[in-house]
């Protein structure tokens, strides 16, 4: 029964172990921190980064980009409502 309460609380707020514990304890006072910790350990696979493989480093310009959409809704009579920002991660220049 405690696993169901912990699961429900977690999937409602998607919080950390500590915040899930505090919210679950409000619903059932008998739940302990270790119960929540054990639920997290059996519910999620821990991902660890291998040494030297946790990031990508661009060796020259225009090799790797980051991009994001942004939305502009606060201007009157605007022609475009969606923009695309592309940044070269080597030089940090906008394209």
Protein backbone atom coordinates (compact mmCIF):
# COMPACT_ATOMS: atom_id res chain seq x y z
CA UNK A 1 0.00 0.00 0.00
CA UNK A 2 2.86 2.41 0.74
CA UNK A 3 4.29 1.83 -2.75
CA UNK A 4 0.99 2.94 -4.30
CA UNK A 5 0.88 6.11 -2.21
CA UNK A 6 4.51 6.93 -3.02
CA UNK A 7 3.91 6.24 -6.71
CA UNK A 8 0.79 8.41 -6.79
CA UNK A 9 2.53 11.28 -5.02
CA UNK A 10 5.59 11.06 -7.26
CA UNK A 11 3.58 10.95 -10.49
CA UNK A 12 1.51 13.91 -9.35
CA UNK A 13 4.47 16.24 -8.68
CA UNK A 14 7.57 14.49 -10.17
CA UNK A 15 9.68 15.67 -7.26
CA UNK A 16 12.89 14.60 -5.62
CA UNK A 17 13.16 11.82 -3.05
CA UNK A 18 12.86 14.34 -0.23
CA UNK A 19 9.86 16.22 -1.63
CA UNK A 20 8.12 12.95 -2.50
CA UNK A 21 8.73 11.75 1.06
CA UNK A 22 7.28 14.92 2.58
CA UNK A 23 4.17 14.80 0.37
CA UNK A 24 3.66 11.05 0.91
CA UNK A 25 4.02 11.48 4.67
CA UNK A 26 1.10 13.95 4.58
CA UNK A 27 -1.09 11.18 3.14
CA UNK A 28 0.22 8.36 5.32
CA UNK A 29 2.13 9.20 8.49
CA UNK A 30 3.71 5.72 8.68
CA UNK A 31 5.80 6.18 5.51
CA UNK A 32 9.50 6.49 6.23
CA UNK A 33 12.24 8.16 4.19
CA UNK A 34 13.82 4.73 3.54
CA UNK A 35 10.52 3.51 2.04
CA UNK A 36 10.60 6.34 -0.50
CA UNK A 37 14.30 5.82 -1.17
CA UNK A 38 13.76 2.09 -1.80
CA UNK A 39 10.82 2.87 -4.11
CA UNK A 40 13.02 5.23 -6.15
CA UNK A 41 15.81 2.62 -6.36
CA UNK A 42 13.52 -0.09 -7.70
CA UNK A 43 11.49 2.23 -9.95
CA UNK A 44 14.30 4.00 -11.81
CA UNK A 45 17.56 2.93 -13.40
CA UNK A 46 20.44 5.13 -12.33
CA UNK A 47 22.34 6.54 -15.25
CA UNK A 48 26.02 7.15 -14.82
CA UNK A 49 28.23 8.91 -17.30
CA UNK A 50 31.35 7.10 -18.37
CA UNK A 51 34.52 9.06 -17.82
CA UNK A 52 35.44 10.93 -20.98
CA UNK A 53 32.10 10.17 -22.68
CA UNK A 54 29.73 12.57 -20.91
CA UNK A 55 29.91 15.48 -23.33
CA UNK A 56 30.63 16.37 -26.90
CA UNK A 57 33.37 18.86 -27.69
CA UNK A 58 33.33 20.48 -31.11
CA UNK A 59 36.78 20.65 -32.70
CA UNK A 60 35.96 23.41 -35.17
CA UNK A 61 33.21 25.87 -36.09
CA UNK A 62 30.01 24.62 -37.74
CA UNK A 63 30.54 21.07 -36.51
CA UNK A 64 27.84 21.02 -33.82
CA UNK A 65 24.85 23.28 -33.20
CA UNK A 66 22.26 23.85 -30.50
CA UNK A 67 18.82 25.00 -31.54
CA UNK A 68 15.64 26.07 -29.86
CA UNK A 69 12.25 27.40 -30.85
CA UNK A 70 10.89 30.51 -29.19
CA UNK A 71 7.41 31.98 -29.32
CA UNK A 72 6.57 35.68 -29.44
CA UNK A 73 2.99 36.56 -28.54
CA UNK A 74 3.26 39.94 -26.86
CA UNK A 75 3.61 42.28 -29.85
CA UNK A 76 0.75 43.76 -31.84
CA UNK A 77 0.65 43.34 -35.64
CA UNK A 78 3.57 40.95 -35.76
CA UNK A 79 4.14 38.86 -38.86
CA UNK A 80 5.92 35.94 -37.18
CA UNK A 81 4.98 34.24 -33.94
CA UNK A 82 7.63 31.50 -33.87
CA UNK A 83 11.39 31.91 -34.13
CA UNK A 84 14.30 29.52 -34.41
CA UNK A 85 17.60 30.25 -32.66
CA UNK A 86 20.65 28.26 -33.79
CA UNK A 87 23.99 28.61 -32.01
CA UNK A 88 27.34 27.16 -33.09
CA UNK A 89 28.66 25.56 -29.88
CA UNK A 90 32.31 26.00 -30.89
CA UNK A 91 32.22 29.76 -31.36
CA UNK A 92 28.92 30.59 -29.57
CA UNK A 93 27.82 32.63 -32.59
CA UNK A 94 24.17 32.89 -33.53
CA UNK A 95 23.39 31.73 -37.02
